[in-house]
Amino acid sequence: VEWPEDGGLTREWVIGVGETLAEAASMLRTQALRQVVPVAVADSLIARASKIMHKEPNCLRLEPPRSSSSSIVLVGDLHGQLHDLLHLFDLAGLPDEERMFVFNGDYVDRGVWGFETYFLLLAWKVLLPHRVFLLRGNHETKFCTSVYGFEKEISVKFGEHSKHFYRKLLGCFEGHPLVAVIAGKVFMAHGALFRSLEPGPSTRSFLVRAAAKLKLGDLDDLAKSRRGVLDPSAVGNNVIPGDILWSDPSPNPGLASNEGLVFGPDCTQEFMDKHKLKLIVRSHEGPDARQKRPEMASMDKGYTIDHVVKAGKLITLFSAPDYPQFQATETRFNNKAAYIVLEPPDFCEPDICVFEAVLPQPHVMPYYDHVNVMDSDDELDL
């Protein structure tokens, strides 16, 4: 991969990057990636993309082109499954002036091509900054990437340059916007809803109020929130970003804080009513998480419709099929994946497209102890 002489990315260059990365993943040893993606090229792309995203607001207000041929593609967790991302592009089409993409976080970890997946998405972001949007997931954090393989992946692939790259990538993670409101009717965020907090004059009084008064937040609360932190926590000034990355829907009414925020259908209705929404799209939960939540629908089709309320629907979207792909066949979930297409005139009726994994995948080994690693649902509490 060579950086363009004038620094101007082209569509052909970005497509070529995807093809080169896929070929390298299939044919070369892992350590050879540092020859395929030179340090200077990686530095330049990460810096350009990071600068763009740091300037974006916490909440993106996206207005798609109103032509009859325009569309918006919504994508859930990818988890370093490069070949399936390329397959998704084959099915849905590539980003262009008429086709907007909104990705909902969790680009890295668990899968073994996290860097390649993230690098390709950053390239599309730099090429089409007003048509490709990358929201933040809970795995775009220092804690998760140190536990679920991405830090180790960077170390193996880039050797003596790995600490430098990892720091730059963590800085890029901090810049991702948190949510998107699409065409004024669709709300998209990794975990979804969040609480409202009114900070007091000190941290102590802030925490007291947080514990005493748990109520649903709105977009005004989000606009005031500081997102530039590596590991948003369940308490303190970064609790709203923490909620957005980690919250989960429940079939039971109410708002509760227990290893993250859990919200019921009444909260979905309240939030949709307040902001005049018709659809909420979130991600965050794959088949492994849903296996431990029998009260919720399984993720075998790549999506679930979790809340159906008077105002509309809340959908969980997962875009990593046959997950996780490095495990033995009997321990895989063999799930399908999905993406959503929104089309004119209102861009709020979801066309859910289900797809299967590209098989066979190159033989790989995970970058973390997937047998003894802690359950990801408990991470925030830790």
Protein backbone atom coordinates (compact mmCIF):
# COMPACT_ATOMS: atom_id res chain seq x y z
CA VAL A 1 0.00 0.00 0.00
CA GLU A 2 1.57 3.28 -1.11
CA TRP A 3 0.36 6.68 0.05
CA PRO A 4 -0.77 8.86 -2.91
CA GLU A 5 1.89 11.41 -3.85
CA ASP A 6 -0.46 14.37 -3.41
CA GLY A 7 -2.13 12.86 -0.34
CA GLY A 8 -5.47 12.80 -2.16
CA LEU A 9 -7.28 9.50 -1.79
CA THR A 10 -9.28 8.15 -4.71
CA ARG A 11 -12.03 5.56 -4.91
CA GLU A 12 -9.68 3.27 -6.82
CA TRP A 13 -7.04 3.61 -4.10
CA VAL A 14 -9.46 2.67 -1.30
CA ILE A 15 -10.87 -0.29 -3.24
CA GLY A 16 -7.30 -1.42 -3.91
CA VAL A 17 -6.49 -1.22 -0.20
CA GLY A 18 -9.36 -3.59 0.58
CA GLU A 19 -8.24 -6.06 -2.07
CA THR A 20 -4.62 -5.91 -0.92
CA LEU A 21 -5.52 -6.46 2.74
CA ALA A 22 -7.76 -9.42 1.90
CA GLU A 23 -5.04 -11.01 -0.24
CA ALA A 24 -2.43 -10.47 2.47
CA ALA A 25 -4.72 -12.03 5.09
CA SER A 26 -5.12 -15.12 2.91
CA MET A 27 -1.56 -15.59 1.63
CA LEU A 28 0.98 -14.02 3.98
CA ARG A 29 2.18 -14.64 7.49
CA THR A 30 0.70 -12.26 10.05
CA GLN A 31 4.02 -10.50 10.68
CA ALA A 32 4.24 -9.59 6.98
CA LEU A 33 1.51 -6.98 7.36
CA ARG A 34 4.11 -4.40 8.40
CA GLN A 35 5.54 -4.67 4.87
CA VAL A 36 2.10 -4.49 3.25
CA VAL A 37 1.06 -1.40 5.26
CA PRO A 38 4.18 0.70 5.85
CA VAL A 39 4.45 2.76 9.02
CA ALA A 40 4.27 6.07 7.14
CA VAL A 41 1.08 5.05 5.32
CA ALA A 42 -0.65 3.87 8.49
CA ASP A 43 0.41 7.04 10.32
CA SER A 44 -0.93 9.29 7.58
CA LEU A 45 -4.31 7.59 7.28
CA ILE A 46 -4.93 7.28 11.01
CA ALA A 47 -4.03 10.93 11.56
CA ARG A 48 -6.29 12.14 8.74
CA ALA A 49 -9.29 10.09 9.88
CA SER A 50 -8.79 10.98 13.54
CA LYS A 51 -8.74 14.69 12.75
CA ILE A 52 -12.01 14.40 10.82
CA MET A 53 -13.84 12.45 13.53
CA HIS A 54 -12.62 14.59 16.44
CA LYS A 55 -14.31 17.55 14.76
CA GLU A 56 -17.66 15.76 14.52
CA PRO A 57 -20.25 16.35 17.28
CA ASN A 58 -21.39 13.76 19.81
CA CYS A 59 -24.64 13.46 17.86
CA LEU A 60 -24.47 13.41 14.07
CA ARG A 61 -27.49 14.90 12.31
CA LEU A 62 -27.49 13.12 8.98
CA GLU A 63 -29.68 14.25 6.11
CA PRO A 64 -29.43 11.88 3.14
CA PRO A 65 -29.83 13.03 -0.46
CA ARG A 66 -33.50 13.10 -1.35
CA SER A 67 -33.09 11.61 -4.82
CA SER A 68 -35.03 8.46 -5.66
CA SER A 69 -31.81 6.45 -5.97
CA SER A 70 -30.31 7.42 -2.59
CA SER A 71 -30.04 4.98 0.32
CA ILE A 72 -28.48 4.60 3.76
CA VAL A 73 -26.83 1.37 4.89
CA LEU A 74 -26.63 0.67 8.63
CA VAL A 75 -24.02 -1.83 9.83
CA GLY A 76 -23.64 -3.45 13.25
CA ASP A 77 -20.68 -5.11 15.01
CA LEU A 78 -17.90 -6.32 12.68
CA HIS A 79 -15.28 -7.57 15.20
CA GLY A 80 -12.34 -7.78 12.84
CA GLN A 81 -14.01 -10.03 10.26
CA LEU A 82 -12.48 -8.39 7.18
CA HIS A 83 -13.69 -10.87 4.58
CA ASP A 84 -17.28 -10.53 5.76
CA LEU A 85 -17.04 -6.73 5.61
CA LEU A 86 -15.88 -6.98 1.99
CA HIS A 87 -18.73 -9.42 1.30
CA LEU A 88 -21.17 -6.93 2.85
CA PHE A 89 -19.87 -4.27 0.46
CA ASP A 90 -20.42 -6.69 -2.44
CA LEU A 91 -24.04 -7.17 -1.35
CA ALA A 92 -24.98 -3.64 -0.33
CA GLY A 93 -22.77 -1.69 -2.71
CA LEU A 94 -19.84 0.58 -1.93
CA PRO A 95 -20.18 4.02 -0.32
CA ASP A 96 -20.72 6.84 -2.80
CA GLU A 97 -22.51 10.17 -3.07
CA GLU A 98 -25.91 8.44 -3.22
CA ARG A 99 -25.22 5.59 -0.77
CA MET A 100 -24.42 6.63 2.79
CA PHE A 101 -23.01 4.16 5.36
CA VAL A 102 -23.33 4.40 9.15
CA PHE A 103 -21.29 1.83 11.10
CA ASN A 104 -22.25 1.19 14.70
CA GLY A 105 -18.94 0.39 16.41
CA ASP A 106 -17.04 -2.71 17.51
CA TYR A 107 -14.70 -2.79 14.53
CA VAL A 108 -11.94 -4.64 16.41
CA ASP A 109 -11.40 -7.40 19.04
CA ARG A 110 -12.28 -11.10 18.98
CA GLY A 111 -11.74 -11.35 15.22
CA VAL A 112 -8.14 -11.48 14.02
CA TRP A 113 -8.24 -8.86 11.27
CA GLY A 114 -9.19 -5.94 13.48
CA PHE A 115 -6.47 -3.66 12.15
CA GLU A 116 -7.28 -4.43 8.52
CA THR A 117 -11.01 -3.91 9.10
CA TYR A 118 -10.50 -0.62 10.92
CA PHE A 119 -7.85 0.61 8.46
CA LEU A 120 -10.18 0.01 5.50
CA LEU A 121 -13.07 1.82 7.19
CA LEU A 122 -10.80 4.78 8.02
CA ALA A 123 -9.82 4.92 4.36
CA TRP A 124 -13.47 5.16 3.33
CA LYS A 125 -14.01 7.82 6.00
CA VAL A 126 -11.18 9.97 4.67
CA LEU A 127 -12.35 9.54 1.08
CA LEU A 128 -16.04 10.26 1.77
CA PRO A 129 -16.24 12.05 5.14
CA HIS A 130 -19.84 13.17 4.54
CA ARG A 131 -21.07 9.78 3.36
CA VAL A 132 -19.28 7.33 5.72
CA PHE A 133 -19.81 7.64 9.47
CA LEU A 134 -18.16 5.54 12.17
CA LEU A 135 -19.88 5.53 15.55
CA ARG A 136 -18.05 4.30 18.61
CA GLY A 137 -18.56 0.88 20.19
CA ASN A 138 -17.62 -0.45 23.60
CA HIS A 139 -14.67 -2.30 22.04
CA GLU A 140 -13.15 0.99 20.89
CA THR A 141 -11.76 1.35 24.42
CA LYS A 142 -8.43 0.65 26.05
CA PHE A 143 -9.88 -1.88 28.47
CA CYS A 144 -11.61 -4.06 25.89
CA THR A 145 -8.77 -3.97 23.37
CA SER A 146 -6.30 -5.05 26.06
CA VAL A 147 -8.51 -8.03 27.01
CA TYR A 148 -10.07 -9.17 23.73
CA GLY A 149 -7.08 -9.31 21.44
CA PHE A 150 -6.62 -6.05 19.54
CA GLU A 151 -3.62 -4.82 21.53
CA LYS A 152 -1.94 -8.23 21.08
CA GLU A 153 -2.87 -8.20 17.39
CA ILE A 154 -1.11 -4.87 16.89
CA SER A 155 1.91 -6.16 18.79
CA VAL A 156 2.24 -9.25 16.58
CA LYS A 157 1.61 -7.44 13.30
CA PHE A 158 3.77 -4.37 13.85
CA GLY A 159 6.52 -5.49 16.22
CA GLU A 160 8.75 -2.61 17.27
CA HIS A 161 6.23 -0.09 15.95
CA SER A 162 3.29 -1.60 17.84
CA LYS A 163 3.30 0.67 20.90
CA HIS A 164 3.36 3.71 18.62
CA PHE A 165 0.45 2.39 16.52
CA TYR A 166 -1.60 1.29 19.50
CA ARG A 167 -1.35 4.76 21.10
CA LYS A 168 -2.40 6.41 17.84
CA LEU A 169 -5.32 4.03 17.43
CA LEU A 170 -6.51 4.65 20.99
CA GLY A 171 -6.42 8.37 20.28
CA CYS A 172 -8.49 7.76 17.17
CA PHE A 173 -11.05 5.77 19.18
CA GLU A 174 -11.67 8.80 21.40
CA GLY A 175 -12.77 10.84 18.40
CA HIS A 176 -15.63 8.65 17.21
CA PRO A 177 -19.04 10.30 17.52
CA LEU A 178 -21.49 8.50 19.79
CA VAL A 179 -24.86 8.58 18.04
CA ALA A 180 -26.51 9.50 14.76
CA VAL A 181 -29.98 10.84 14.04
CA ILE A 182 -30.83 10.02 10.44
CA ALA A 183 -33.40 11.99 8.46
CA GLY A 184 -34.80 13.20 11.79
CA LYS A 185 -36.55 9.85 12.35
CA VAL A 186 -33.92 7.16 13.04
CA PHE A 187 -31.66 7.04 16.10
CA MET A 188 -28.55 4.86 15.95
CA ALA A 189 -26.07 4.17 18.76
CA HIS A 190 -24.03 1.17 19.86
CA GLY A 191 -25.85 0.37 23.12
CA ALA A 192 -28.62 2.94 22.63
CA LEU A 193 -30.32 4.84 25.45
CA PHE A 194 -28.69 6.66 28.34
CA ARG A 195 -29.51 8.35 31.62
CA SER A 196 -29.75 12.05 32.39
CA LEU A 197 -27.54 13.55 35.08
CA GLU A 198 -27.37 17.00 36.59
CA PRO A 199 -23.85 17.39 38.06
CA GLY A 200 -23.49 19.14 41.37
CA PRO A 201 -20.67 21.47 42.40
CA SER A 202 -18.35 18.57 43.26
CA THR A 203 -17.75 14.99 42.16
CA ARG A 204 -19.14 13.70 45.43
CA SER A 205 -22.44 15.52 45.05
CA PHE A 206 -22.52 14.44 41.38
CA LEU A 207 -22.33 10.79 42.39
CA VAL A 208 -24.92 11.22 45.12
CA ARG A 209 -27.34 12.73 42.64
CA ALA A 210 -26.53 10.00 40.10
CA ALA A 211 -27.43 7.31 42.59
CA ALA A 212 -30.54 9.08 43.84
CA LYS A 213 -32.06 10.14 40.54
CA LEU A 214 -32.02 7.79 37.59
CA LYS A 215 -34.01 9.14 34.69
CA LEU A 216 -33.87 8.83 30.93
CA GLY A 217 -31.57 11.25 29.14
CA ASP A 218 -32.20 13.16 25.93
CA LEU A 219 -30.15 14.66 23.12
CA ASP A 220 -29.59 17.88 25.06
CA ASP A 221 -27.86 15.86 27.80
CA LEU A 222 -25.78 14.11 25.16
CA ALA A 223 -24.65 17.38 23.56
CA LYS A 224 -23.17 18.51 26.88
CA SER A 225 -21.35 15.22 27.51
CA ARG A 226 -17.58 14.82 27.13
CA ARG A 227 -16.82 11.81 24.98
CA GLY A 228 -13.03 12.05 24.65
CA VAL A 229 -12.12 9.44 27.24
CA LEU A 230 -10.68 5.98 26.63
CA ASP A 231 -12.85 4.06 29.10
CA PRO A 232 -16.16 5.77 29.95
CA SER A 233 -17.30 4.48 33.32
CA ALA A 234 -20.59 3.72 35.03
CA VAL A 235 -20.20 6.67 37.39
CA GLY A 236 -18.97 10.24 37.25
CA ASN A 237 -18.79 12.76 34.44
CA ASN A 238 -18.45 10.16 31.68
CA VAL A 239 -21.48 8.11 32.59
CA ILE A 240 -23.54 9.17 29.55
CA PRO A 241 -20.92 7.98 27.00
CA GLY A 242 -20.56 4.85 29.13
CA ASP A 243 -24.30 4.20 28.91
CA ILE A 244 -24.35 4.73 25.17
CA LEU A 245 -21.60 2.17 24.64
CA TRP A 246 -22.89 -0.44 27.09
CA SER A 247 -26.68 -0.15 27.61
CA ASP A 248 -29.08 -3.00 26.78
CA PRO A 249 -32.83 -3.27 26.19
CA SER A 250 -35.03 -5.37 28.43
CA PRO A 251 -38.56 -6.74 28.05
CA ASN A 252 -39.34 -5.36 31.51
CA PRO A 253 -40.39 -1.72 31.98
CA GLY A 254 -38.23 0.85 33.71
CA LEU A 255 -34.67 2.11 33.80
CA ALA A 256 -32.10 0.27 35.92
CA SER A 257 -28.35 0.41 36.45
CA ASN A 258 -26.83 -3.03 36.84
CA GLU A 259 -23.46 -3.68 35.15
CA GLY A 260 -24.48 -0.93 32.73
CA LEU A 261 -27.86 0.59 31.95
CA VAL A 262 -30.92 -1.55 31.19
CA PHE A 263 -34.03 0.05 29.72
CA GLY A 264 -37.52 -1.22 29.04
CA PRO A 265 -40.07 -0.62 26.27
CA ASP A 266 -41.55 2.32 28.19
CA CYS A 267 -38.17 4.08 28.00
CA THR A 268 -37.97 3.40 24.28
CA GLN A 269 -41.45 4.89 23.85
CA GLU A 270 -40.57 7.94 25.95
CA PHE A 271 -37.34 8.62 24.07
CA MET A 272 -38.98 8.16 20.65
CA ASP A 273 -41.89 10.40 21.59
CA LYS A 274 -39.63 13.17 22.86
CA HIS A 275 -37.50 13.23 19.72
CA LYS A 276 -40.24 12.29 17.22
CA LEU A 277 -38.46 9.10 16.19
CA LYS A 278 -39.83 6.06 14.37
CA LEU A 279 -36.88 3.68 14.64
CA ILE A 280 -33.96 2.98 16.99
CA VAL A 281 -31.09 0.82 15.76
CA ARG A 282 -28.49 -0.44 18.22
CA SER A 283 -25.90 -3.24 18.22
CA HIS A 284 -23.61 -4.39 21.05
CA GLU A 285 -25.12 -7.86 21.62
CA GLY A 286 -24.00 -10.82 19.57
CA PRO A 287 -25.11 -14.44 19.83
CA ASP A 288 -22.81 -15.03 22.80
CA ALA A 289 -24.41 -12.23 24.83
CA ARG A 290 -27.93 -13.29 23.92
CA GLN A 291 -27.23 -16.88 24.89
CA LYS A 292 -26.87 -15.61 28.46
CA ARG A 293 -30.13 -13.59 28.29
CA PRO A 294 -32.94 -16.12 27.76
CA GLU A 295 -35.53 -13.39 28.18
CA MET A 296 -34.32 -11.84 24.90
CA ALA A 297 -34.51 -13.21 21.36
CA SER A 298 -31.46 -15.05 20.01
CA MET A 299 -29.11 -13.44 17.49
CA ASP A 300 -29.03 -16.36 15.03
CA LYS A 301 -30.36 -14.21 12.14
CA GLY A 302 -28.12 -11.20 12.77
CA TYR A 303 -30.90 -9.02 14.13
CA THR A 304 -33.71 -8.96 16.66
CA ILE A 305 -36.71 -6.69 17.05
CA ASP A 306 -36.55 -6.09 20.79
CA HIS A 307 -39.19 -3.42 21.39
CA VAL A 308 -42.34 -2.74 19.43
CA VAL A 309 -44.05 0.33 20.84
CA LYS A 310 -46.64 2.82 19.65
CA ALA A 311 -43.98 5.15 18.24
CA GLY A 312 -42.05 2.47 16.34
CA LYS A 313 -39.42 -0.25 16.84
CA LEU A 314 -36.06 -0.87 18.48
CA ILE A 315 -33.82 -3.26 16.52
CA THR A 316 -30.52 -4.85 17.55
CA LEU A 317 -28.21 -5.31 14.55
CA PHE A 318 -25.18 -7.63 14.42
CA SER A 319 -23.05 -7.81 11.26
CA ALA A 320 -20.42 -10.47 12.11
CA PRO A 321 -21.57 -13.87 10.77
CA ASP A 322 -20.30 -17.28 11.91
CA TYR A 323 -19.03 -15.64 15.07
CA PRO A 324 -16.34 -15.93 16.38
CA GLN A 325 -14.64 -17.41 13.35
CA PHE A 326 -11.40 -18.65 14.91
CA GLN A 327 -13.03 -21.10 17.31
CA ALA A 328 -13.58 -24.78 16.61
CA THR A 329 -16.73 -25.53 14.66
CA GLU A 330 -18.63 -26.96 17.66
CA THR A 331 -18.11 -23.77 19.67
CA ARG A 332 -19.14 -21.34 16.96
CA PHE A 333 -22.62 -19.92 16.93
CA ASN A 334 -22.96 -20.36 13.15
CA ASN A 335 -25.09 -17.24 13.16
CA LYS A 336 -26.11 -15.24 10.15
CA ALA A 337 -25.48 -11.51 10.07
CA ALA A 338 -27.51 -8.55 8.86
CA TYR A 339 -27.41 -4.96 7.71
CA ILE A 340 -30.25 -2.48 7.24
CA VAL A 341 -31.06 -0.36 4.19
CA LEU A 342 -33.11 2.82 4.54
CA GLU A 343 -34.63 4.33 1.42
CA PRO A 344 -36.62 7.43 0.45
CA PRO A 345 -38.88 9.15 0.92
CA ASP A 346 -38.83 8.89 4.74
CA PHE A 347 -35.73 6.72 5.40
CA CYS A 348 -37.38 5.14 8.44
CA GLU A 349 -38.72 1.79 7.16
CA PRO A 350 -35.93 -0.77 7.71
CA ASP A 351 -35.17 -3.23 4.93
CA ILE A 352 -33.28 -5.89 6.89
CA CYS A 353 -30.83 -7.83 4.72
CA VAL A 354 -29.52 -11.13 6.13
CA PHE A 355 -26.29 -12.69 4.85
CA GLU A 356 -23.96 -15.58 5.63
CA ALA A 357 -20.22 -15.69 6.22
CA VAL A 358 -17.63 -16.05 3.48
CA LEU A 359 -16.27 -19.58 3.95
CA PRO A 360 -13.76 -21.07 4.20
CA GLN A 361 -11.77 -18.43 6.07
CA PRO A 362 -7.96 -18.47 6.26
CA HIS A 363 -6.68 -20.52 9.20
CA VAL A 364 -5.93 -18.20 12.12
CA MET A 365 -5.28 -18.26 15.85
CA PRO A 366 -6.97 -15.85 18.27
CA TYR A 367 -5.03 -13.09 19.97
CA TYR A 368 -6.61 -13.73 23.38
CA ASP A 369 -7.55 -16.64 25.64
CA HIS A 370 -11.08 -17.14 24.36
CA VAL A 371 -11.64 -20.10 26.72
CA ASN A 372 -10.85 -18.41 30.03
CA VAL A 373 -11.55 -14.78 29.21
CA MET A 374 -14.21 -13.02 31.27
CA ASP A 375 -17.73 -12.60 29.95
CA SER A 376 -17.93 -9.33 28.02
CA ASP A 377 -21.26 -8.52 29.68
CA ASP A 378 -19.42 -8.12 32.99
CA GLU A 379 -16.62 -5.87 31.75
CA LEU A 380 -18.09 -2.54 32.72
CA ASP A 381 -18.73 -3.67 36.27
CA LEU A 382 -15.09 -4.69 36.59
